[in-house]
């Protein structure tokens, strides 16, 4: 099965920026339903990581359960052409910094921006 352009883009970013493996992931919900995420990014966004989906309608009614299971989630568009698959380091740093690091502070990537402070 061919990889989606979204996975290709995230794999490229992980090799260049934080050397973590991005992979498709299935979440078992209490309703015995399985949600297919395009990928799971561990150590970002929530205790169990952030799940990336491409269809908001498919997850909308499950967002509270995902949160209760310790997952963050984001919905991103599938890149539509080769230009959109190109890795943009600044864009990934901005997005991952917004999601915030949830892993061990000793392994926090140095390139991440600090979390926002209350104003």
PDB file of N, CA and C in Angstrom:
ATOM      1  N   UNK A   1       0.845  -1.185   0.000  1.00  0.00           N
ATOM      2  CA  UNK A   1       0.000   0.000   0.000  1.00  0.00           C
ATOM      3  C   UNK A   1       0.887   1.243   0.000  1.00  0.00           C
ATOM      4  N   UNK A   2       0.606   2.159  -0.894  1.00  0.00           N
ATOM      5  CA  UNK A   2       1.402   3.373  -1.007  1.00  0.00           C
ATOM      6  C   UNK A   2       1.161   4.294   0.185  1.00  0.00           C
ATOM      7  N   UNK A   3       2.215   4.988   0.572  1.00  0.00           N
ATOM      8  CA  UNK A   3       2.095   5.958   1.669  1.00  0.00           C
ATOM      9  C   UNK A   3       1.384   7.205   1.173  1.00  0.00           C
ATOM     10  N   UNK A   4       0.597   7.800   2.070  1.00  0.00           N
ATOM     11  CA  UNK A   4      -0.056   9.056   1.708  1.00  0.00           C
ATOM     12  C   UNK A   4       0.990  10.174   1.681  1.00  0.00           C
ATOM     13  N   UNK A   5       0.671  11.234   0.979  1.00  0.00           N
ATOM     14  CA  UNK A   5       1.569  12.386   0.928  1.00  0.00           C
ATOM     15  C   UNK A   5       1.731  13.007   2.310  1.00  0.00           C
ATOM     16  N   UNK A   6       0.681  12.943   3.121  1.00  0.00           N
ATOM     17  CA  UNK A   6       0.765  13.481   4.480  1.00  0.00           C
ATOM     18  C   UNK A   6       1.800  12.713   5.297  1.00  0.00           C
ATOM     19  N   UNK A   7       1.780  11.402   5.207  1.00  0.00           N
ATOM     20  CA  UNK A   7       2.764  10.602   5.951  1.00  0.00           C
ATOM     21  C   UNK A   7       4.164  10.860   5.416  1.00  0.00           C
ATOM     22  N   UNK A   8       4.312  10.944   4.102  1.00  0.00           N
ATOM     23  CA  UNK A   8       5.627  11.247   3.533  1.00  0.00           C
ATOM     24  C   UNK A   8       6.173  12.559   4.080  1.00  0.00           C
ATOM     25  N   UNK A   9       5.308  13.567   4.165  1.00  0.00           N
ATOM     26  CA  UNK A   9       5.722  14.885   4.653  1.00  0.00           C
ATOM     27  C   UNK A   9       6.168  14.807   6.113  1.00  0.00           C
ATOM     28  N   UNK A  10       5.392  14.106   6.957  1.00  0.00           N
ATOM     29  CA  UNK A  10       5.752  14.003   8.374  1.00  0.00           C
ATOM     30  C   UNK A  10       6.976  13.132   8.594  1.00  0.00           C
ATOM     31  N   UNK A  11       7.151  12.096   7.802  1.00  0.00           N
ATOM     32  CA  UNK A  11       8.363  11.284   7.918  1.00  0.00           C
ATOM     33  C   UNK A  11       9.589  12.110   7.572  1.00  0.00           C
ATOM     34  N   UNK A  12       9.481  12.935   6.540  1.00  0.00           N
ATOM     35  CA  UNK A  12      10.597  13.808   6.173  1.00  0.00           C
ATOM     36  C   UNK A  12      10.920  14.772   7.307  1.00  0.00           C
ATOM     37  N   UNK A  13       9.893  15.334   7.937  1.00  0.00           N
ATOM     38  CA  UNK A  13      10.142  16.271   9.033  1.00  0.00           C
ATOM     39  C   UNK A  13      10.754  15.564  10.228  1.00  0.00           C
ATOM     40  N   UNK A  14      10.312  14.365  10.528  1.00  0.00           N
ATOM     41  CA  UNK A  14      10.835  13.670  11.702  1.00  0.00           C
ATOM     42  C   UNK A  14      12.294  13.290  11.504  1.00  0.00           C
ATOM     43  N   UNK A  15      12.670  12.905  10.287  1.00  0.00           N
ATOM     44  CA  UNK A  15      14.077  12.565  10.030  1.00  0.00           C
ATOM     45  C   UNK A  15      14.965  13.790  10.168  1.00  0.00           C
ATOM     46  N   UNK A  16      14.455  14.936   9.760  1.00  0.00           N
ATOM     47  CA  UNK A  16      15.279  16.146   9.769  1.00  0.00           C
ATOM     48  C   UNK A  16      15.251  16.887  11.098  1.00  0.00           C
ATOM     49  N   UNK A  17      14.185  16.779  11.841  1.00  0.00           N
ATOM     50  CA  UNK A  17      14.029  17.645  13.007  1.00  0.00           C
ATOM     51  C   UNK A  17      14.111  16.940  14.349  1.00  0.00           C
ATOM     52  N   UNK A  18      13.447  15.821  14.485  1.00  0.00           N
ATOM     53  CA  UNK A  18      13.448  15.246  15.823  1.00  0.00           C
ATOM     54  C   UNK A  18      13.689  13.750  15.838  1.00  0.00           C
ATOM     55  N   UNK A  19      13.933  13.171  14.662  1.00  0.00           N
ATOM     56  CA  UNK A  19      14.341  11.781  14.547  1.00  0.00           C
ATOM     57  C   UNK A  19      13.403  10.817  15.263  1.00  0.00           C
ATOM     58  N   UNK A  20      12.118  11.055  15.159  1.00  0.00           N
ATOM     59  CA  UNK A  20      11.116  10.141  15.720  1.00  0.00           C
ATOM     60  C   UNK A  20      10.309   9.551  14.580  1.00  0.00           C
ATOM     61  N   UNK A  21       9.857   8.355  14.780  1.00  0.00           N
ATOM     62  CA  UNK A  21       9.090   7.675  13.742  1.00  0.00           C
ATOM     63  C   UNK A  21       7.628   8.106  13.795  1.00  0.00           C
ATOM     64  N   UNK A  22       7.098   8.493  12.672  1.00  0.00           N
ATOM     65  CA  UNK A  22       5.675   8.814  12.535  1.00  0.00           C
ATOM     66  C   UNK A  22       5.031   7.615  11.865  1.00  0.00           C
ATOM     67  N   UNK A  23       3.920   7.193  12.383  1.00  0.00           N
ATOM     68  CA  UNK A  23       3.290   6.003  11.817  1.00  0.00           C
ATOM     69  C   UNK A  23       1.776   6.103  11.878  1.00  0.00           C
ATOM     70  N   UNK A  24       1.105   5.403  10.967  1.00  0.00           N
ATOM     71  CA  UNK A  24      -0.353   5.317  11.072  1.00  0.00           C
ATOM     72  C   UNK A  24      -0.706   4.642  12.390  1.00  0.00           C
ATOM     73  N   UNK A  25      -1.895   4.911  12.884  1.00  0.00           N
ATOM     74  CA  UNK A  25      -2.265   4.394  14.198  1.00  0.00           C
ATOM     75  C   UNK A  25      -3.771   4.202  14.267  1.00  0.00           C
ATOM     76  N   UNK A  26      -4.190   3.144  14.935  1.00  0.00           N
ATOM     77  CA  UNK A  26      -5.613   2.913  15.168  1.00  0.00           C
ATOM     78  C   UNK A  26      -5.897   3.035  16.652  1.00  0.00           C
ATOM     79  N   UNK A  27      -6.953   3.770  16.974  1.00  0.00           N
ATOM     80  CA  UNK A  27      -7.374   3.974  18.359  1.00  0.00           C
ATOM     81  C   UNK A  27      -8.609   3.129  18.612  1.00  0.00           C
ATOM     82  N   UNK A  28      -8.558   2.311  19.653  1.00  0.00           N
ATOM     83  CA  UNK A  28      -9.727   1.537  20.063  1.00  0.00           C
ATOM     84  C   UNK A  28     -10.574   2.401  20.989  1.00  0.00           C
ATOM     85  N   UNK A  29     -11.782   2.709  20.583  1.00  0.00           N
ATOM     86  CA  UNK A  29     -12.697   3.484  21.408  1.00  0.00           C
ATOM     87  C   UNK A  29     -13.560   2.542  22.242  1.00  0.00           C
ATOM     88  N   UNK A  30     -14.142   3.063  23.298  1.00  0.00           N
ATOM     89  CA  UNK A  30     -14.969   2.248  24.190  1.00  0.00           C
ATOM     90  C   UNK A  30     -16.173   1.648  23.469  1.00  0.00           C
ATOM     91  N   UNK A  31     -16.578   2.260  22.388  1.00  0.00           N
ATOM     92  CA  UNK A  31     -17.744   1.783  21.638  1.00  0.00           C
ATOM     93  C   UNK A  31     -17.383   0.607  20.725  1.00  0.00           C
ATOM     94  N   UNK A  32     -16.202   0.067  20.868  1.00  0.00           N
ATOM     95  CA  UNK A  32     -15.631  -0.994  20.020  1.00  0.00           C
ATOM     96  C   UNK A  32     -15.346  -0.508  18.600  1.00  0.00           C
ATOM     97  N   UNK A  33     -15.458   0.764  18.382  1.00  0.00           N
ATOM     98  CA  UNK A  33     -15.114   1.364  17.103  1.00  0.00           C
ATOM     99  C   UNK A  33     -13.610   1.615  17.076  1.00  0.00           C
ATOM    100  N   UNK A  34     -13.013   1.459  15.921  1.00  0.00           N
ATOM    101  CA  UNK A  34     -11.605   1.815  15.745  1.00  0.00           C
ATOM    102  C   UNK A  34     -11.537   3.048  14.857  1.00  0.00           C
ATOM    103  N   UNK A  35     -10.790   4.039  15.304  1.00  0.00           N
ATOM    104  CA  UNK A  35     -10.555   5.229  14.480  1.00  0.00           C
ATOM    105  C   UNK A  35      -9.168   5.113  13.876  1.00  0.00           C
ATOM    106  N   UNK A  36      -9.086   5.310  12.586  1.00  0.00           N
ATOM    107  CA  UNK A  36      -7.789   5.264  11.911  1.00  0.00           C
ATOM    108  C   UNK A  36      -7.219   6.681  11.820  1.00  0.00           C
ATOM    109  N   UNK A  37      -6.066   6.874  12.456  1.00  0.00           N
ATOM    110  CA  UNK A  37      -5.359   8.159  12.361  1.00  0.00           C
ATOM    111  C   UNK A  37      -4.279   8.023  11.296  1.00  0.00           C
ATOM    112  N   UNK A  38      -4.080   9.081  10.549  1.00  0.00           N
ATOM    113  CA  UNK A  38      -3.016   9.065   9.551  1.00  0.00           C
ATOM    114  C   UNK A  38      -1.670   8.821  10.217  1.00  0.00           C
ATOM    115  N   UNK A  39      -1.499   9.404  11.401  1.00  0.00           N
ATOM    116  CA  UNK A  39      -0.267   9.163  12.146  1.00  0.00           C
ATOM    117  C   UNK A  39      -0.430   9.559  13.597  1.00  0.00           C
ATOM    118  N   UNK A  40       0.459   9.018  14.409  1.00  0.00           N
ATOM    119  CA  UNK A  40       0.553   9.346  15.829  1.00  0.00           C
ATOM    120  C   UNK A  40       1.907   9.977  16.064  1.00  0.00           C
ATOM    121  N   UNK A  41       1.913  11.133  16.713  1.00  0.00           N
ATOM    122  CA  UNK A  41       3.150  11.800  17.114  1.00  0.00           C
ATOM    123  C   UNK A  41       3.247  11.706  18.625  1.00  0.00           C
ATOM    124  N   UNK A  42       4.147  10.879  19.098  1.00  0.00           N
ATOM    125  CA  UNK A  42       4.306  10.743  20.546  1.00  0.00           C
ATOM    126  C   UNK A  42       5.029  11.960  21.110  1.00  0.00           C
ATOM    127  N   UNK A  43       4.822  12.209  22.382  1.00  0.00           N
ATOM    128  CA  UNK A  43       5.494  13.283  23.125  1.00  0.00           C
ATOM    129  C   UNK A  43       5.060  14.700  22.752  1.00  0.00           C
ATOM    130  N   UNK A  44       3.985  14.819  22.020  1.00  0.00           N
ATOM    131  CA  UNK A  44       3.464  16.141  21.684  1.00  0.00           C
ATOM    132  C   UNK A  44       1.973  16.187  21.943  1.00  0.00           C
ATOM    133  N   UNK A  45       1.499  17.287  22.545  1.00  0.00           N
ATOM    134  CA  UNK A  45       0.082  17.582  22.632  1.00  0.00           C
ATOM    135  C   UNK A  45      -0.686  16.990  23.790  1.00  0.00           C
ATOM    136  N   UNK A  46      -0.422  15.756  24.148  1.00  0.00           N
ATOM    137  CA  UNK A  46      -1.164  15.102  25.229  1.00  0.00           C
ATOM    138  C   UNK A  46      -0.333  13.931  25.749  1.00  0.00           C
ATOM    139  N   UNK A  47      -0.792  13.346  26.822  1.00  0.00           N
ATOM    140  CA  UNK A  47      -0.061  12.261  27.484  1.00  0.00           C
ATOM    141  C   UNK A  47       0.332  11.143  26.506  1.00  0.00           C
ATOM    142  N   UNK A  48      -0.580  10.733  25.652  1.00  0.00           N
ATOM    143  CA  UNK A  48      -0.303   9.643  24.713  1.00  0.00           C
ATOM    144  C   UNK A  48       0.072  10.122  23.313  1.00  0.00           C
ATOM    145  N   UNK A  49       0.231  11.421  23.153  1.00  0.00           N
ATOM    146  CA  UNK A  49       0.620  11.970  21.863  1.00  0.00           C
ATOM    147  C   UNK A  49      -0.540  12.612  21.131  1.00  0.00           C
ATOM    148  N   UNK A  50      -0.247  13.076  19.928  1.00  0.00           N
ATOM    149  CA  UNK A  50      -1.255  13.705  19.080  1.00  0.00           C
ATOM    150  C   UNK A  50      -1.531  12.826  17.876  1.00  0.00           C
ATOM    151  N   UNK A  51      -2.809  12.576  17.659  1.00  0.00           N
ATOM    152  CA  UNK A  51      -3.262  11.831  16.497  1.00  0.00           C
ATOM    153  C   UNK A  51      -3.577  12.818  15.384  1.00  0.00           C
ATOM    154  N   UNK A  52      -3.133  12.530  14.174  1.00  0.00           N
ATOM    155  CA  UNK A  52      -3.386  13.394  13.038  1.00  0.00           C
ATOM    156  C   UNK A  52      -4.372  12.693  12.108  1.00  0.00           C
ATOM    157  N   UNK A  53      -5.446  13.405  11.818  1.00  0.00           N
ATOM    158  CA  UNK A  53      -6.503  12.914  10.939  1.00  0.00           C
ATOM    159  C   UNK A  53      -6.633  13.851   9.756  1.00  0.00           C
ATOM    160  N   UNK A  54      -7.313  13.380   8.704  1.00  0.00           N
ATOM    161  CA  UNK A  54      -7.571  14.237   7.540  1.00  0.00           C
ATOM    162  C   UNK A  54      -9.050  14.536   7.365  1.00  0.00           C
ATOM    163  N   UNK A  55      -9.907  13.989   8.244  1.00  0.00           N
ATOM    164  CA  UNK A  55     -11.350  14.172   8.099  1.00  0.00           C
ATOM    165  C   UNK A  55     -11.977  14.529   9.446  1.00  0.00           C
ATOM    166  N   UNK A  56     -12.318  15.779   9.627  1.00  0.00           N
ATOM    167  CA  UNK A  56     -12.919  16.242  10.883  1.00  0.00           C
ATOM    168  C   UNK A  56     -14.246  15.540  11.153  1.00  0.00           C
ATOM    169  N   UNK A  57     -15.044  15.312  10.134  1.00  0.00           N
ATOM    170  CA  UNK A  57     -16.346  14.674  10.330  1.00  0.00           C
ATOM    171  C   UNK A  57     -16.214  13.280  10.942  1.00  0.00           C
ATOM    172  N   UNK A  58     -15.156  12.569  10.601  1.00  0.00           N
ATOM    173  CA  UNK A  58     -14.970  11.203  11.101  1.00  0.00           C
ATOM    174  C   UNK A  58     -14.651  11.168  12.598  1.00  0.00           C
ATOM    175  N   UNK A  59     -14.090  12.239  13.129  1.00  0.00           N
ATOM    176  CA  UNK A  59     -13.684  12.219  14.550  1.00  0.00           C
ATOM    177  C   UNK A  59     -14.498  13.153  15.436  1.00  0.00           C
ATOM    178  N   UNK A  60     -15.275  14.047  14.846  1.00  0.00           N
ATOM    179  CA  UNK A  60     -15.947  15.094  15.615  1.00  0.00           C
ATOM    180  C   UNK A  60     -16.688  14.554  16.835  1.00  0.00           C
ATOM    181  N   UNK A  61     -17.471  13.526  16.660  1.00  0.00           N
ATOM    182  CA  UNK A  61     -18.269  13.006  17.777  1.00  0.00           C
ATOM    183  C   UNK A  61     -17.434  12.197  18.769  1.00  0.00           C
ATOM    184  N   UNK A  62     -16.157  11.969  18.464  1.00  0.00           N
ATOM    185  CA  UNK A  62     -15.291  11.162  19.340  1.00  0.00           C
ATOM    186  C   UNK A  62     -14.214  11.999  20.045  1.00  0.00           C
ATOM    187  N   UNK A  63     -14.230  13.296  19.839  1.00  0.00           N
ATOM    188  CA  UNK A  63     -13.136  14.121  20.357  1.00  0.00           C
ATOM    189  C   UNK A  63     -13.023  14.093  21.872  1.00  0.00           C
ATOM    190  N   UNK A  64     -14.140  14.051  22.607  1.00  0.00           N
ATOM    191  CA  UNK A  64     -14.056  13.973  24.071  1.00  0.00           C
ATOM    192  C   UNK A  64     -13.471  12.641  24.512  1.00  0.00           C
ATOM    193  N   UNK A  65     -13.873  11.571  23.846  1.00  0.00           N
ATOM    194  CA  UNK A  65     -13.326  10.258  24.194  1.00  0.00           C
ATOM    195  C   UNK A  65     -11.831  10.195  23.901  1.00  0.00           C
ATOM    196  N   UNK A  66     -11.400  10.768  22.796  1.00  0.00           N
ATOM    197  CA  UNK A  66      -9.964  10.815  22.492  1.00  0.00           C
ATOM    198  C   UNK A  66      -9.210  11.543  23.599  1.00  0.00           C
ATOM    199  N   UNK A  67      -9.758  12.661  24.031  1.00  0.00           N
ATOM    200  CA  UNK A  67      -9.155  13.422  25.134  1.00  0.00           C
ATOM    201  C   UNK A  67      -9.101  12.601  26.408  1.00  0.00           C
ATOM    202  N   UNK A  68     -10.203  11.928  26.723  1.00  0.00           N
ATOM    203  CA  UNK A  68     -10.252  11.092  27.928  1.00  0.00           C
ATOM    204  C   UNK A  68      -9.265   9.935  27.872  1.00  0.00           C
ATOM    205  N   UNK A  69      -8.954   9.461  26.673  1.00  0.00           N
ATOM    206  CA  UNK A  69      -7.981   8.382  26.509  1.00  0.00           C
ATOM    207  C   UNK A  69      -6.542   8.897  26.515  1.00  0.00           C
ATOM    208  N   UNK A  70      -6.373  10.208  26.622  1.00  0.00           N
ATOM    209  CA  UNK A  70      -5.029  10.786  26.718  1.00  0.00           C
ATOM    210  C   UNK A  70      -4.403  11.169  25.392  1.00  0.00           C
ATOM    211  N   UNK A  71      -5.225  11.377  24.366  1.00  0.00           N
ATOM    212  CA  UNK A  71      -4.719  11.777  23.061  1.00  0.00           C
ATOM    213  C   UNK A  71      -5.125  13.206  22.743  1.00  0.00           C
ATOM    214  N   UNK A  72      -4.209  13.924  22.133  1.00  0.00           N
ATOM    215  CA  UNK A  72      -4.552  15.163  21.468  1.00  0.00           C
ATOM    216  C   UNK A  72      -4.894  14.797  20.034  1.00  0.00           C
ATOM    217  N   UNK A  73      -5.456  15.715  19.294  1.00  0.00           N
ATOM    218  CA  UNK A  73      -5.757  15.417  17.895  1.00  0.00           C
ATOM    219  C   UNK A  73      -5.674  16.690  17.082  1.00  0.00           C
ATOM    220  N   UNK A  74      -5.397  16.492  15.821  1.00  0.00           N
ATOM    221  CA  UNK A  74      -5.357  17.603  14.886  1.00  0.00           C
ATOM    222  C   UNK A  74      -5.866  17.085  13.543  1.00  0.00           C
ATOM    223  N   UNK A  75      -6.497  17.950  12.796  1.00  0.00           N
ATOM    224  CA  UNK A  75      -6.968  17.596  11.461  1.00  0.00           C
ATOM    225  C   UNK A  75      -6.178  18.438  10.473  1.00  0.00           C
ATOM    226  N   UNK A  76      -5.461  17.771   9.600  1.00  0.00           N
ATOM    227  CA  UNK A  76      -4.636  18.440   8.603  1.00  0.00           C
ATOM    228  C   UNK A  76      -5.054  17.986   7.216  1.00  0.00           C
ATOM    229  N   UNK A  77      -4.893  18.872   6.258  1.00  0.00           N
ATOM    230  CA  UNK A  77      -5.211  18.525   4.877  1.00  0.00           C
ATOM    231  C   UNK A  77      -4.132  17.617   4.307  1.00  0.00           C
ATOM    232  N   UNK A  78      -4.568  16.704   3.473  1.00  0.00           N
ATOM    233  CA  UNK A  78      -3.638  15.883   2.697  1.00  0.00           C
ATOM    234  C   UNK A  78      -2.987  16.804   1.674  1.00  0.00           C
ATOM    235  N   UNK A  79      -1.640  16.803   1.558  1.00  0.00           N
ATOM    236  CA  UNK A  79      -1.011  17.628   0.520  1.00  0.00           C
ATOM    237  C   UNK A  79      -1.564  17.237  -0.853  1.00  0.00           C
ATOM    238  N   UNK A  80      -1.779  18.245  -1.697  1.00  0.00           N
ATOM    239  CA  UNK A  80      -2.428  17.983  -2.981  1.00  0.00           C
ATOM    240  C   UNK A  80      -1.464  17.871  -4.154  1.00  0.00           C
ATOM    241  N   UNK A  81      -0.242  18.314  -3.978  1.00  0.00           N
ATOM    242  CA  UNK A  81       0.717  18.180  -5.073  1.00  0.00           C
ATOM    243  C   UNK A  81       2.123  18.085  -4.504  1.00  0.00           C
ATOM    244  N   UNK A  82       3.065  17.843  -5.375  1.00  0.00           N
ATOM    245  CA  UNK A  82       4.462  17.633  -4.951  1.00  0.00           C
ATOM    246  C   UNK A  82       4.991  18.825  -4.153  1.00  0.00           C
ATOM    247  N   UNK A  83       4.619  20.040  -4.520  1.00  0.00           N
ATOM    248  CA  UNK A  83       5.114  21.232  -3.816  1.00  0.00           C
ATOM    249  C   UNK A  83       4.698  21.215  -2.354  1.00  0.00           C
ATOM    250  N   UNK A  84       3.500  20.725  -2.062  1.00  0.00           N
ATOM    251  CA  UNK A  84       3.024  20.688  -0.688  1.00  0.00           C
ATOM    252  C   UNK A  84       3.634  19.573   0.138  1.00  0.00           C
ATOM    253  N   UNK A  85       4.362  18.671  -0.490  1.00  0.00           N
ATOM    254  CA  UNK A  85       5.013  17.584   0.236  1.00  0.00           C
ATOM    255  C   UNK A  85       6.384  18.041   0.724  1.00  0.00           C
ATOM    256  N   UNK A  86       6.898  19.117   0.151  1.00  0.00           N
ATOM    257  CA  UNK A  86       8.215  19.617   0.525  1.00  0.00           C
ATOM    258  C   UNK A  86       8.222  20.002   1.998  1.00  0.00           C
ATOM    259  N   UNK A  87       9.280  19.611   2.667  1.00  0.00           N
ATOM    260  CA  UNK A  87       9.446  19.865   4.094  1.00  0.00           C
ATOM    261  C   UNK A  87       9.751  21.337   4.351  1.00  0.00           C
ATOM    262  N   UNK A  88       8.989  21.951   5.247  1.00  0.00           N
ATOM    263  CA  UNK A  88       9.209  23.332   5.667  1.00  0.00           C
ATOM    264  C   UNK A  88       9.483  23.297   7.167  1.00  0.00           C
ATOM    265  N   UNK A  89      10.750  23.338   7.537  1.00  0.00           N
ATOM    266  CA  UNK A  89      11.153  23.169   8.933  1.00  0.00           C
ATOM    267  C   UNK A  89      10.491  24.178   9.860  1.00  0.00           C
ATOM    268  N   UNK A  90      10.446  25.435   9.466  1.00  0.00           N
ATOM    269  CA  UNK A  90       9.851  26.467  10.316  1.00  0.00           C
ATOM    270  C   UNK A  90       8.377  26.193  10.600  1.00  0.00           C
ATOM    271  N   UNK A  91       7.658  25.721   9.586  1.00  0.00           N
ATOM    272  CA  UNK A  91       6.248  25.388   9.759  1.00  0.00           C
ATOM    273  C   UNK A  91       6.071  24.257  10.771  1.00  0.00           C
ATOM    274  N   UNK A  92       6.901  23.222  10.673  1.00  0.00           N
ATOM    275  CA  UNK A  92       6.799  22.109  11.614  1.00  0.00           C
ATOM    276  C   UNK A  92       7.184  22.536  13.024  1.00  0.00           C
ATOM    277  N   UNK A  93       8.211  23.334  13.152  1.00  0.00           N
ATOM    278  CA  UNK A  93       8.615  23.815  14.481  1.00  0.00           C
ATOM    279  C   UNK A  93       7.487  24.623  15.103  1.00  0.00           C
ATOM    280  N   UNK A  94       6.867  25.497  14.321  1.00  0.00           N
ATOM    281  CA  UNK A  94       5.763  26.303  14.834  1.00  0.00           C
ATOM    282  C   UNK A  94       4.600  25.404  15.293  1.00  0.00           C
ATOM    283  N   UNK A  95       4.229  24.435  14.459  1.00  0.00           N
ATOM    284  CA  UNK A  95       3.105  23.565  14.802  1.00  0.00           C
ATOM    285  C   UNK A  95       3.414  22.719  16.033  1.00  0.00           C
ATOM    286  N   UNK A  96       4.567  22.087  16.066  1.00  0.00           N
ATOM    287  CA  UNK A  96       4.906  21.228  17.202  1.00  0.00           C
ATOM    288  C   UNK A  96       5.096  22.041  18.480  1.00  0.00           C
ATOM    289  N   UNK A  97       5.598  23.247  18.356  1.00  0.00           N
ATOM    290  CA  UNK A  97       5.726  24.118  19.532  1.00  0.00           C
ATOM    291  C   UNK A  97       4.354  24.493  20.077  1.00  0.00           C
ATOM    292  N   UNK A  98       3.398  24.733  19.186  1.00  0.00           N
ATOM    293  CA  UNK A  98       2.026  25.032  19.630  1.00  0.00           C
ATOM    294  C   UNK A  98       1.397  23.833  20.317  1.00  0.00           C
ATOM    295  N   UNK A  99       1.685  22.623  19.825  1.00  0.00           N
ATOM    296  CA  UNK A  99       1.135  21.418  20.445  1.00  0.00           C
ATOM    297  C   UNK A  99       1.783  21.155  21.794  1.00  0.00           C
ATOM    298  N   UNK A 100       2.983  21.641  21.987  1.00  0.00           N
ATOM    299  CA  UNK A 100       3.779  21.536  23.216  1.00  0.00           C
ATOM    300  C   UNK A 100       4.317  20.126  23.457  1.00  0.00           C
ATOM    301  N   UNK A 101       5.469  20.100  24.048  1.00  0.00           N
ATOM    302  CA  UNK A 101       6.182  18.864  24.397  1.00  0.00           C
ATOM    303  C   UNK A 101       5.551  18.250  25.640  1.00  0.00           C
ATOM    304  N   UNK A 102       5.239  16.964  25.589  1.00  0.00           N
ATOM    305  CA  UNK A 102       4.667  16.263  26.741  1.00  0.00           C
ATOM    306  C   UNK A 102       5.551  15.117  27.206  1.00  0.00           C
ATOM    307  N   UNK A 103       6.691  14.956  26.566  1.00  0.00           N
ATOM    308  CA  UNK A 103       7.613  13.886  26.928  1.00  0.00           C
ATOM    309  C   UNK A 103       8.520  14.298  28.075  1.00  0.00           C
ATOM    310  N   UNK A 104       9.494  13.465  28.340  1.00  0.00           N
ATOM    311  CA  UNK A 104      10.488  13.710  29.384  1.00  0.00           C
ATOM    312  C   UNK A 104      11.267  14.988  29.047  1.00  0.00           C
ATOM    313  N   UNK A 105      11.332  15.899  29.986  1.00  0.00           N
ATOM    314  CA  UNK A 105      12.024  17.173  29.736  1.00  0.00           C
ATOM    315  C   UNK A 105      13.492  16.977  29.364  1.00  0.00           C
ATOM    316  N   UNK A 106      14.098  15.903  29.819  1.00  0.00           N
ATOM    317  CA  UNK A 106      15.503  15.641  29.499  1.00  0.00           C
ATOM    318  C   UNK A 106      15.695  15.359  28.005  1.00  0.00           C
ATOM    319  N   UNK A 107      14.637  14.953  27.330  1.00  0.00           N
ATOM    320  CA  UNK A 107      14.738  14.637  25.902  1.00  0.00           C
ATOM    321  C   UNK A 107      14.011  15.656  25.024  1.00  0.00           C
ATOM    322  N   UNK A 108      13.606  16.760  25.621  1.00  0.00           N
ATOM    323  CA  UNK A 108      12.909  17.814  24.866  1.00  0.00           C
ATOM    324  C   UNK A 108      13.843  18.374  23.801  1.00  0.00           C
ATOM    325  N   UNK A 109      13.398  18.402  22.531  1.00  0.00           N
ATOM    326  CA  UNK A 109      14.250  18.936  21.465  1.00  0.00           C
ATOM    327  C   UNK A 109      14.593  20.408  21.705  1.00  0.00           C
ATOM    328  N   UNK A 110      15.828  20.765  21.485  1.00  0.00           N
ATOM    329  CA  UNK A 110      16.290  22.130  21.698  1.00  0.00           C
ATOM    330  C   UNK A 110      15.678  23.137  20.746  1.00  0.00           C
ATOM    331  N   UNK A 111      15.199  22.686  19.592  1.00  0.00           N
ATOM    332  CA  UNK A 111      14.641  23.604  18.601  1.00  0.00           C
ATOM    333  C   UNK A 111      13.206  24.016  18.918  1.00  0.00           C
ATOM    334  N   UNK A 112      12.544  23.343  19.868  1.00  0.00           N
ATOM    335  CA  UNK A 112      11.167  23.716  20.209  1.00  0.00           C
ATOM    336  C   UNK A 112      11.139  25.081  20.875  1.00  0.00           C
ATOM    337  N   UNK A 113      10.158  25.852  20.522  1.00  0.00           N
ATOM    338  CA  UNK A 113       9.972  27.150  21.188  1.00  0.00           C
ATOM    339  C   UNK A 113       9.391  26.908  22.570  1.00  0.00           C
ATOM    340  N   UNK A 114       9.680  27.771  23.510  1.00  0.00           N
ATOM    341  CA  UNK A 114       9.113  27.580  24.863  1.00  0.00           C
ATOM    342  C   UNK A 114       7.611  27.726  24.844  1.00  0.00           C
ATOM    343  N   UNK A 115       6.937  27.030  25.778  1.00  0.00           N
ATOM    344  CA  UNK A 115       5.472  27.159  25.846  1.00  0.00           C
ATOM    345  C   UNK A 115       5.085  28.591  26.167  1.00  0.00           C
ATOM    346  N   UNK A 116       3.915  29.023  25.699  1.00  0.00           N
ATOM    347  CA  UNK A 116       3.484  30.393  25.980  1.00  0.00           C
ATOM    348  C   UNK A 116       3.234  30.580  27.487  1.00  0.00           C
ATOM    349  N   UNK A 117       3.497  31.772  27.922  1.00  0.00           N
ATOM    350  CA  UNK A 117       3.227  32.095  29.326  1.00  0.00           C
ATOM    351  C   UNK A 117       1.920  32.858  29.402  1.00  0.00           C
ATOM    352  N   UNK A 118       1.233  32.743  30.528  1.00  0.00           N
ATOM    353  CA  UNK A 118      -0.030  33.465  30.703  1.00  0.00           C
ATOM    354  C   UNK A 118       0.190  34.955  30.677  1.00  0.00           C
ATOM    355  N   UNK A 119      -0.693  35.652  30.020  1.00  0.00           N
ATOM    356  CA  UNK A 119      -0.548  37.116  29.942  1.00  0.00           C
ATOM    357  C   UNK A 119      -1.610  37.788  30.737  1.00  0.00           C
TER     358      UNK A 119
END
